[in-house]
Protein backbone atom coordinates (compact mmCIF):
# COMPACT_ATOMS: atom_id res chain seq x y z
CA MET A 1 49.91 107.30 260.73
CA LEU A 2 48.45 110.60 262.03
CA SER A 3 47.14 109.42 265.38
CA GLY A 4 50.36 110.11 267.31
CA PHE A 5 50.69 113.77 266.37
CA SER A 6 48.15 115.06 268.88
CA GLU A 7 50.31 113.82 271.76
CA LYS A 8 53.63 115.21 270.53
CA ASP A 9 55.15 118.37 271.99
CA ALA A 10 58.14 118.54 269.61
CA PHE A 11 58.14 118.43 265.82
CA LEU A 12 60.67 118.42 263.00
CA ILE A 13 59.10 119.99 259.90
CA VAL A 14 60.24 121.26 256.51
CA GLY A 15 58.42 124.42 255.44
CA LEU A 16 58.35 125.24 251.71
CA MET A 17 57.47 128.63 250.25
CA SER A 18 57.48 130.02 246.72
CA GLY A 19 56.26 133.59 246.79
CA THR A 20 54.70 136.06 244.40
CA SER A 21 58.17 137.04 243.16
CA HIS A 22 58.44 133.46 241.75
CA ASP A 23 62.23 133.61 241.82
CA GLY A 24 62.73 130.32 243.66
CA VAL A 25 61.62 128.11 246.52
CA ASP A 26 62.67 128.55 250.14
CA ALA A 27 63.01 125.44 252.28
CA ALA A 28 63.42 125.67 256.06
CA LEU A 29 64.02 122.70 258.35
CA VAL A 30 62.46 123.75 261.63
CA GLU A 31 62.34 122.28 265.13
CA ILE A 32 59.17 123.31 266.97
CA LYS A 33 58.65 122.78 270.70
CA ASP A 34 56.09 123.75 273.37
CA THR A 35 53.26 123.68 270.87
CA ASP A 36 50.32 124.96 272.92
CA SER A 37 47.95 127.68 271.74
CA SER A 38 49.85 130.68 273.10
CA HIS A 39 53.53 129.80 273.22
CA ILE A 40 56.07 128.27 270.89
CA LYS A 41 59.82 127.69 270.62
CA VAL A 42 61.28 127.52 267.14
CA ARG A 43 64.79 126.70 265.99
CA VAL A 44 65.70 126.99 262.32
CA ILE A 45 68.10 124.13 261.77
CA ARG A 46 68.81 124.85 258.11
CA HIS A 47 67.47 127.10 255.37
CA LEU A 48 68.15 127.16 251.68
CA HIS A 49 66.91 129.19 248.76
CA MET A 50 66.75 127.20 245.53
CA PRO A 51 66.52 129.72 242.69
CA TYR A 52 64.50 128.94 239.58
CA ASP A 53 66.28 129.02 236.25
CA LYS A 54 64.99 131.38 233.57
CA LYS A 55 62.96 128.66 231.86
CA LEU A 56 61.05 127.83 235.04
CA ARG A 57 60.55 131.50 235.99
CA ASP A 58 59.11 132.14 232.55
CA ALA A 59 56.87 129.08 232.87
CA VAL A 60 55.48 130.35 236.17
CA ARG A 61 54.93 133.82 234.73
CA GLN A 62 53.13 132.27 231.75
CA ALA A 63 50.89 130.35 234.15
CA PHE A 64 49.56 133.59 235.63
CA THR A 65 47.61 134.00 232.39
CA GLY A 66 48.22 130.53 230.93
CA ASP A 67 46.00 127.79 229.60
CA THR A 68 44.85 124.83 231.67
CA GLN A 69 47.26 122.30 230.13
CA HIS A 70 50.25 124.53 230.91
CA ILE A 71 49.14 124.98 234.52
CA CYS A 72 48.39 121.26 234.83
CA ARG A 73 51.90 120.30 233.71
CA LEU A 74 53.53 123.01 235.82
CA ASN A 75 51.73 121.70 238.90
CA PHE A 76 53.67 118.43 238.64
CA THR A 77 56.92 120.12 237.57
CA LEU A 78 56.87 122.29 240.68
CA GLY A 79 56.04 119.24 242.80
CA GLU A 80 59.33 117.75 241.62
CA VAL A 81 61.21 121.01 242.29
CA PHE A 82 59.74 121.36 245.78
CA SER A 83 60.62 117.72 246.52
CA LYS A 84 64.25 118.34 245.59
CA ALA A 85 64.37 121.44 247.80
CA ALA A 86 62.97 119.51 250.77
CA LEU A 87 65.37 116.61 250.30
CA LYS A 88 68.33 118.96 249.85
CA VAL A 89 67.68 120.96 253.03
CA MET A 90 67.42 117.71 255.00
CA ALA A 91 70.64 116.41 253.46
CA LEU A 92 72.50 119.65 254.23
CA ALA A 93 71.33 119.38 257.84
CA GLY A 94 72.29 115.70 258.06
CA VAL A 95 68.72 114.74 258.94
CA ASP A 96 67.15 111.47 257.82
CA PRO A 97 63.77 112.01 256.10
CA LYS A 98 62.36 109.29 258.36
CA ASP A 99 62.87 111.65 261.32
CA VAL A 100 60.85 114.49 259.76
CA ASP A 101 57.20 114.69 260.83
CA CYS A 102 55.88 116.49 257.78
CA ILE A 103 56.52 118.81 254.88
CA ALA A 104 54.36 121.95 254.92
CA SER A 105 54.20 123.32 251.39
CA HIS A 106 52.52 126.62 250.59
CA GLY A 107 52.95 126.04 246.87
CA GLN A 108 53.15 128.66 244.12
CA THR A 109 50.21 131.01 243.89
CA ILE A 110 48.94 131.17 240.31
CA CYS A 111 45.76 133.15 240.95
CA HIS A 112 44.24 134.76 244.02
CA VAL A 113 40.79 136.34 243.79
CA PRO A 114 39.69 137.94 247.09
CA PRO A 115 35.99 137.85 247.98
CA ASN A 116 33.91 140.89 247.17
CA GLY A 117 30.36 142.08 247.66
CA LYS A 118 29.19 139.93 244.76
CA GLY A 119 30.36 136.63 246.20
CA GLY A 120 33.14 134.55 247.69
CA GLY A 121 36.72 134.47 246.50
CA SER A 122 38.93 131.73 245.16
CA THR A 123 42.60 130.91 245.10
CA LEU A 124 44.97 128.48 243.38
CA GLN A 125 48.37 127.31 244.57
CA ILE A 126 50.22 124.59 242.64
CA GLY A 127 53.14 122.25 243.33
CA GLU A 128 51.54 118.83 243.55
CA SER A 129 51.61 117.47 247.12
CA ALA A 130 51.23 113.87 245.94
CA VAL A 131 54.56 114.21 244.10
CA ILE A 132 56.22 115.68 247.21
CA ALA A 133 54.90 112.89 249.46
CA GLU A 134 55.89 110.21 246.96
CA ARG A 135 59.43 111.51 246.37
CA THR A 136 60.22 112.19 250.04
CA GLY A 137 58.21 109.51 251.83
CA ILE A 138 56.97 112.21 254.23
CA VAL A 139 53.45 113.30 255.16
CA THR A 140 52.77 116.51 253.21
CA VAL A 141 50.42 119.33 254.21
CA SER A 142 49.40 121.72 251.42
CA GLY A 143 46.50 123.88 250.23
CA PHE A 144 46.53 126.10 253.30
CA ARG A 145 44.49 129.00 251.91
CA THR A 146 41.34 127.28 250.67
CA LYS A 147 39.70 126.39 254.00
CA ASP A 148 39.89 129.97 255.23
CA MET A 149 38.25 131.14 251.99
CA ALA A 150 35.59 128.46 252.32
CA ALA A 151 34.81 130.02 255.71
CA GLY A 152 34.35 133.43 254.10
CA GLY A 153 37.89 134.73 254.55
CA GLU A 154 40.38 136.33 252.21
CA GLY A 155 42.66 133.29 252.42
CA ALA A 156 45.46 135.73 253.22
CA PRO A 157 47.53 136.67 255.00
CA LEU A 158 48.00 133.33 256.78
CA VAL A 159 51.24 134.06 258.64
CA PRO A 160 49.86 136.31 261.44
CA LEU A 161 49.17 133.49 263.89
CA ALA A 162 52.76 132.30 263.50
CA ASP A 163 53.95 135.90 263.84
CA TYR A 164 51.96 136.22 267.06
CA LEU A 165 53.44 133.02 268.50
CA LEU A 166 56.97 134.01 267.49
CA PHE A 167 57.11 137.75 268.20
CA LYS A 168 54.50 138.75 270.79
CA LYS A 169 56.00 141.08 273.39
CA SER A 170 53.79 142.09 276.29
CA GLY A 171 53.41 145.83 276.69
CA SER A 172 54.80 146.58 273.23
CA THR A 173 53.19 146.80 269.80
CA ARG A 174 55.23 145.01 267.19
CA ALA A 175 54.62 144.91 263.45
CA VAL A 176 56.10 142.23 261.20
CA LEU A 177 56.55 143.26 257.58
CA ASN A 178 57.18 140.89 254.70
CA ILE A 179 58.26 142.43 251.41
CA GLY A 180 57.85 139.84 248.69
CA GLY A 181 56.19 140.47 245.35
CA ILE A 182 53.31 141.76 247.47
CA ALA A 183 54.00 143.42 250.84
CA ASN A 184 52.03 142.34 253.90
CA VAL A 185 52.13 143.34 257.53
CA THR A 186 51.07 141.76 260.83
CA ILE A 187 50.18 144.06 263.73
CA ILE A 188 50.64 141.89 266.82
CA GLY A 189 48.14 142.42 269.62
CA GLU A 190 48.10 141.24 273.22
CA ARG A 191 45.85 138.32 272.21
CA PRO A 192 45.60 136.36 268.95
CA GLU A 193 42.16 137.82 268.32
CA ASP A 194 43.59 141.34 268.67
CA THR A 195 46.17 140.63 265.96
CA ILE A 196 45.43 141.83 262.45
CA ALA A 197 47.25 141.44 259.15
CA PHE A 198 46.74 142.52 255.57
CA ASP A 199 48.47 143.14 252.26
CA THR A 200 49.67 146.74 252.02
CA GLY A 201 50.02 146.60 248.23
CA PRO A 202 52.98 146.01 245.92
CA GLY A 203 56.27 144.95 247.40
CA ASN A 204 58.81 144.01 244.75
CA ALA A 205 56.37 142.98 242.00
CA LEU A 206 56.09 146.26 240.08
CA MET A 207 59.80 147.05 240.45
CA ASP A 208 60.82 143.55 239.31
CA GLU A 209 58.49 143.63 236.31
CA ALA A 210 59.77 147.08 235.30
CA VAL A 211 63.37 145.85 235.46
CA ARG A 212 62.42 142.88 233.30
CA ILE A 213 60.87 145.21 230.73
CA PHE A 214 63.80 147.66 230.71
CA SER A 215 66.36 144.84 230.34
CA ASN A 216 64.38 142.84 227.76
CA GLY A 217 64.20 139.94 230.22
CA LYS A 218 67.93 139.83 230.98
CA GLN A 219 67.47 141.05 234.57
CA THR A 220 64.77 140.03 237.05
CA PHE A 221 65.30 142.56 239.85
CA ASP A 222 67.15 145.73 240.83
CA LYS A 223 69.92 144.43 243.09
CA ASN A 224 70.22 146.54 246.24
CA GLY A 225 67.98 149.11 244.53
CA SER A 226 71.06 150.46 242.72
CA MET A 227 69.15 151.57 239.60
CA ALA A 228 66.39 153.20 241.65
CA LYS A 229 68.98 155.03 243.73
CA LYS A 230 70.29 156.73 240.58
CA GLY A 231 66.83 157.97 239.66
CA ARG A 232 64.64 160.82 240.85
CA LEU A 233 61.19 160.62 242.37
CA ASN A 234 58.45 161.85 240.05
CA GLU A 235 55.80 163.30 242.34
CA THR A 236 53.11 163.44 239.65
CA MET A 237 53.53 159.75 238.87
CA LEU A 238 53.58 158.82 242.55
CA THR A 239 50.41 160.82 243.28
CA GLU A 240 48.60 159.06 240.45
CA LEU A 241 49.75 155.61 241.59
CA LEU A 242 48.71 156.32 245.18
CA SER A 243 45.17 157.05 244.01
CA HIS A 244 44.52 153.35 243.36
CA PRO A 245 41.34 152.31 245.23
CA TYR A 246 43.03 149.34 246.91
CA TYR A 247 44.89 151.65 249.26
CA LYS A 248 41.62 153.12 250.52
CA ARG A 249 40.15 149.74 251.50
CA ARG A 250 40.12 148.86 255.17
CA PRO A 251 41.46 145.52 256.45
CA PRO A 252 40.94 142.66 256.19
CA LYS A 253 42.14 142.85 252.62
CA SER A 254 44.45 140.93 250.31
CA THR A 255 45.75 141.32 246.80
CA GLY A 256 48.14 139.71 244.33
CA ARG A 257 49.90 139.95 241.01
CA GLU A 258 46.50 139.95 239.31
CA LEU A 259 46.30 143.59 240.43
CA PHE A 260 49.91 144.64 241.07
CA GLY A 261 51.79 142.59 238.50
CA THR A 262 52.79 142.38 234.87
CA ARG A 263 49.85 144.20 233.34
CA MET A 264 50.10 147.17 235.70
CA ALA A 265 53.88 147.40 235.25
CA GLU A 266 53.58 147.33 231.47
CA ASP A 267 50.95 150.08 231.63
CA ILE A 268 53.12 152.23 233.92
CA VAL A 269 56.21 151.87 231.74
CA ALA A 270 54.23 152.67 228.56
CA ARG A 271 52.41 155.67 230.01
CA TRP A 272 55.52 157.16 231.61
CA SER A 273 57.90 156.30 228.77
CA SER A 274 59.18 159.88 228.68
CA LEU A 275 60.90 159.30 232.03
CA PRO A 276 64.30 157.60 232.38
CA PRO A 277 64.02 153.98 233.62
CA GLU A 278 65.83 154.96 236.81
CA ASP A 279 63.18 157.57 237.61
CA ILE A 280 60.38 155.04 237.11
CA LEU A 281 62.13 152.53 239.38
CA SER A 282 62.80 155.20 242.01
CA THR A 283 59.14 156.23 241.98
CA LEU A 284 57.98 152.60 242.24
CA ALA A 285 60.27 152.11 245.25
CA HIS A 286 58.74 155.23 246.84
CA LEU A 287 55.28 153.77 246.11
CA THR A 288 56.11 150.59 248.03
CA ALA A 289 57.65 152.52 250.92
CA ARG A 290 54.84 155.08 251.10
CA THR A 291 52.03 152.50 251.05
CA ILE A 292 53.75 150.44 253.75
CA PHE A 293 54.20 153.57 255.88
CA LYS A 294 50.59 154.71 255.46
CA SER A 295 49.35 151.21 256.28
CA ILE A 296 51.17 150.72 259.57
CA THR A 297 51.30 154.19 261.16
CA PRO A 298 47.63 154.18 262.31
CA TYR A 299 48.54 151.28 264.62
CA LYS A 300 51.50 153.15 266.19
CA PRO A 301 53.93 150.21 266.46
CA ASP A 302 57.00 150.57 268.63
CA GLU A 303 58.98 148.24 266.41
CA LEU A 304 58.84 147.05 262.81
CA ILE A 305 60.50 143.72 261.98
CA ALA A 306 61.29 143.44 258.26
CA ALA A 307 61.57 140.20 256.29
CA GLY A 308 61.36 138.97 252.71
CA GLY A 309 63.54 139.57 249.68
CA GLY A 310 62.64 143.26 249.60
CA SER A 311 64.31 143.77 252.98
CA LYS A 312 67.62 143.34 251.10
CA ASN A 313 66.83 146.30 248.83
CA LEU A 314 69.04 148.93 250.44
CA PHE A 315 67.39 151.85 248.66
CA LEU A 316 63.89 150.74 249.64
CA MET A 317 64.89 150.15 253.25
CA GLY A 318 66.52 153.58 253.35
CA LEU A 319 63.25 155.15 252.24
CA LEU A 320 61.39 153.27 254.96
CA ARG A 321 63.85 154.40 257.63
CA GLU A 322 63.28 158.02 256.63
CA LEU A 323 59.52 157.61 256.82
CA LEU A 324 59.47 155.56 260.03
CA ARG A 325 61.27 157.98 262.31
CA GLY A 326 60.39 157.13 265.89
CA ILE A 327 59.69 153.50 265.03
CA GLU A 328 62.52 151.02 265.51
CA LEU A 329 63.17 149.19 262.22
CA ARG A 330 64.89 145.83 262.66
CA ASN A 331 65.69 142.92 260.38
CA ILE A 332 64.19 139.55 261.22
CA GLY A 333 67.70 138.09 261.09
CA GLU A 334 68.28 139.63 264.52
CA TYR A 335 65.77 137.07 265.83
CA GLY A 336 67.54 134.05 264.34
CA ILE A 337 65.41 133.78 261.19
CA GLU A 338 66.84 134.68 257.80
CA ALA A 339 64.82 137.26 255.89
CA GLU A 340 63.98 134.87 253.06
CA ALA A 341 63.16 132.02 255.47
CA ARG A 342 60.41 133.73 257.43
CA GLU A 343 57.39 132.54 255.42
CA ALA A 344 58.74 129.00 255.08
CA VAL A 345 59.15 128.93 258.87
CA CYS A 346 55.62 130.25 259.35
CA PHE A 347 54.14 127.55 257.13
CA ALA A 348 56.11 124.92 259.06
CA ILE A 349 54.31 126.19 262.17
CA LEU A 350 50.95 126.08 260.39
CA GLY A 351 51.72 122.54 259.19
CA MET A 352 52.36 121.49 262.78
CA ARG A 353 49.01 122.94 263.83
CA THR A 354 47.26 121.07 261.02
CA LEU A 355 48.77 117.79 262.22
CA ARG A 356 47.47 118.56 265.72
CA CYS A 357 44.02 119.59 264.40
CA MET A 358 44.53 123.14 265.72
CA PRO A 359 43.22 126.25 263.92
CA GLY A 360 45.77 128.05 261.77
CA ASN A 361 43.92 131.17 260.67
CA LEU A 362 43.07 134.37 262.50
CA PRO A 363 39.61 135.65 261.52
CA SER A 364 40.69 139.12 262.68
CA ALA A 365 43.27 139.04 259.88
CA THR A 366 41.45 137.18 257.09
CA GLY A 367 37.83 138.07 257.76
CA ALA A 368 36.77 134.41 257.99
CA ALA A 369 33.59 133.60 259.91
CA ARG A 370 35.46 131.31 262.30
CA GLU A 371 38.75 129.66 263.15
CA VAL A 372 39.48 126.64 260.97
CA VAL A 373 42.11 123.92 260.65
CA LEU A 374 44.06 124.73 257.49
CA GLY A 375 45.47 122.51 254.81
CA LYS A 376 45.07 119.15 253.15
CA ILE A 377 47.08 116.13 254.21
CA THR A 378 48.69 113.83 251.65
CA LEU A 379 50.05 110.53 252.96
CA PRO A 380 53.20 109.01 251.47
CA ARG A 381 51.64 105.54 251.26
């Protein structure tokens, strides 16, 4: 079944991504052509965002600190949800599943532990690939992060190779920023090995968790940053938050909700309870903007391409524009890829490379000892 992929030069792939914000799954049906090691043509045929209902969002949040039986059951539940998203995006596009080469599913990260001086790291993404392959009848590639970590890498970020193939511009330094629960950036070099990427710190995670606390679970995010816009920056709080040791680490580096998630947000809200909620949210937005700015300016990019759900936060993007004077800030939508679709598209590209037995990681970004073929392949029969 897999023998013909190495000879193909055009693929039809569904990329699936559920990010650290755990608000839903993004499915992108992508046509990929000219699939050599340095050039690629991508057309997004259809994208959809399938939001999770409150029950499922709460189940995912519980899994971050949940017991093994809960995570075990959720693994299969999310497999069913991802299957429905893949089938729906194909149906909306009028594409027969038999014509799709593979589904590339990142899964939902439950825990990500970067390596440290004491030993290697580990990572866990769920959303059972056997369920996806069985329900769709399509070859499914999943588990992208583990092989990079087995080779000594951080297992993240994994999108920089796709960013390089999509956005490289000779003679210009471009940076691609994704603001999900965690924010990450790719600095695109002239060659793949000159390209680096890393997590800058919190994206939406702390803001979203604070909103959940302030609203007693009735709201999950600050739409357009409207609450934060009404607040005032607290410089003392911001200075304290910026002192976190993660920001002093040099790339390659990665992080997750284990560090910048529920526990930290609850601690911030409790310790700064004398401040109005709007001031806390405003300061958290400044934290995200400031850490992104400090992370990318040493590389002097000419252009910053923003993606992810956070790129729709008007207040946050306004803060970034003020900080990034002299750097052109553009939305990824200007390049034919919806902001929420970017990571799903990138994993479609990585899935194609897995089918062709081509490396999908960049050691310059993850710190792995070598290039490796990413992912595990699940056959539909």
